[in-house]
Protein backbone atom coordinates (compact mmCIF):
# COMPACT_ATOMS: atom_id res chain seq x y z
CA MET A 1 -16.03 1.77 -17.08
CA ALA A 2 -14.47 0.80 -13.75
CA HIS A 3 -11.11 2.37 -13.01
CA THR A 4 -9.46 -1.03 -12.52
CA VAL A 5 -10.47 -1.96 -16.07
CA ARG A 6 -9.44 1.42 -17.49
CA ASP A 7 -6.06 1.28 -15.70
CA LYS A 8 -5.61 -2.47 -16.12
CA ARG A 9 -2.34 -2.32 -18.06
CA ARG A 10 -0.62 -0.04 -15.55
CA LEU A 11 -1.91 -2.05 -12.57
CA LEU A 12 -0.81 -5.34 -14.12
CA ASN A 13 2.66 -3.90 -14.74
CA ARG A 14 2.87 -3.01 -11.05
CA ILE A 15 1.77 -6.52 -10.08
CA ARG A 16 4.48 -7.98 -12.31
CA ARG A 17 7.10 -5.83 -10.55
CA ILE A 18 5.78 -6.99 -7.17
CA ARG A 19 5.91 -10.61 -8.36
CA GLY A 20 9.55 -10.08 -9.33
CA GLN A 21 10.27 -8.65 -5.90
CA VAL A 22 8.63 -11.64 -4.18
CA GLU A 23 10.66 -13.98 -6.39
CA ALA A 24 13.81 -12.12 -5.30
CA VAL A 25 12.87 -12.83 -1.67
CA GLU A 26 12.46 -16.51 -2.50
CA ARG A 27 15.80 -16.65 -4.34
CA ASN A 28 17.54 -15.01 -1.39
CA LEU A 29 15.97 -17.39 1.09
CA ARG A 30 16.94 -20.40 -1.03
CA GLY A 31 20.44 -18.98 -1.35
CA ARG A 32 20.71 -18.50 2.38
CA ALA A 33 21.08 -14.72 2.19
CA GLU A 34 21.79 -12.60 5.23
CA CYS A 35 18.69 -11.70 7.22
CA SER A 36 19.29 -7.99 6.60
CA GLN A 37 19.10 -8.56 2.84
CA VAL A 38 15.86 -10.55 3.20
CA MET A 39 14.35 -7.88 5.45
CA HIS A 40 15.26 -5.19 2.92
CA LEU A 41 13.61 -7.17 0.12
CA LEU A 42 10.52 -7.76 2.24
CA ALA A 43 10.28 -4.04 2.92
CA VAL A 44 10.44 -3.42 -0.84
CA VAL A 45 7.62 -5.93 -1.41
CA SER A 46 5.55 -4.36 1.34
CA GLY A 47 6.11 -0.91 -0.12
CA GLY A 48 5.12 -2.10 -3.58
CA VAL A 49 1.89 -3.65 -2.34
CA SER A 50 1.07 -0.61 -0.21
CA SER A 51 1.72 1.71 -3.13
CA LEU A 52 -0.52 -0.36 -5.40
CA LEU A 53 -3.28 -0.39 -2.80
CA ALA A 54 -2.98 3.37 -2.35
CA GLU A 55 -3.35 3.89 -6.10
CA VAL A 56 -6.45 1.69 -6.34
CA LEU A 57 -7.95 3.31 -3.22
CA GLU A 58 -7.34 6.78 -4.61
CA GLN A 59 -9.05 5.94 -7.88
CA HIS A 60 -11.94 4.34 -5.96
CA VAL A 61 -12.46 7.55 -4.00
CA ARG A 62 -12.15 9.75 -7.07
CA GLU A 63 -14.52 7.68 -9.18
CA HIS A 64 -17.08 6.35 -6.71
CA LEU A 65 -17.16 9.02 -4.01
CA MET A 66 -16.13 12.26 -5.68
CA GLY A 67 -16.95 11.40 -9.29
CA ASP A 68 -19.96 12.04 -11.41
CA GLU A 69 -22.67 13.95 -9.57
CA ARG A 70 -25.25 11.57 -11.05
CA ILE A 71 -24.00 8.86 -8.68
CA SER A 72 -26.76 8.26 -6.18
CA ARG A 73 -26.35 8.82 -2.46
CA ALA A 74 -26.87 5.08 -1.92
CA ALA A 75 -24.12 4.22 -4.41
CA ARG A 76 -21.74 6.66 -2.71
CA ARG A 77 -22.59 5.16 0.67
CA ALA A 78 -21.91 1.65 -0.67
CA ALA A 79 -18.58 2.81 -2.12
CA ALA A 80 -17.66 4.39 1.22
CA ASP A 81 -18.56 1.16 3.04
CA GLU A 82 -16.35 -0.83 0.65
CA LEU A 83 -13.49 1.57 1.29
CA ILE A 84 -13.94 1.35 5.05
CA ASP A 85 -13.92 -2.47 4.90
CA VAL A 86 -10.65 -2.43 2.96
CA ILE A 87 -9.08 0.01 5.40
CA HIS A 88 -10.11 -2.16 8.35
CA SER A 89 -8.69 -5.26 6.65
CA TYR A 90 -5.44 -3.47 5.90
CA PHE A 91 -4.84 -2.41 9.48
CA LYS A 92 -5.58 -5.79 11.08
């Protein structure tokens, strides 16, 4: 079973919190909040997304790269390539 399926409830709870944070940004922008308040909220959103990504990446490494020794070399290489692609996308 894939880790995103196994951890689905916890990951969805995190997404809901992030959604609430994004909605707070929208409310503040509509309400003409001070830029410092909006920047703070955006930093919170960014932190939430980064934290979620870090959790999924960690589980990917643990399951697909370090996991069961029956995982073939080709499957590990594919998992590593997927991870590298995500990392490159993140830092663009």
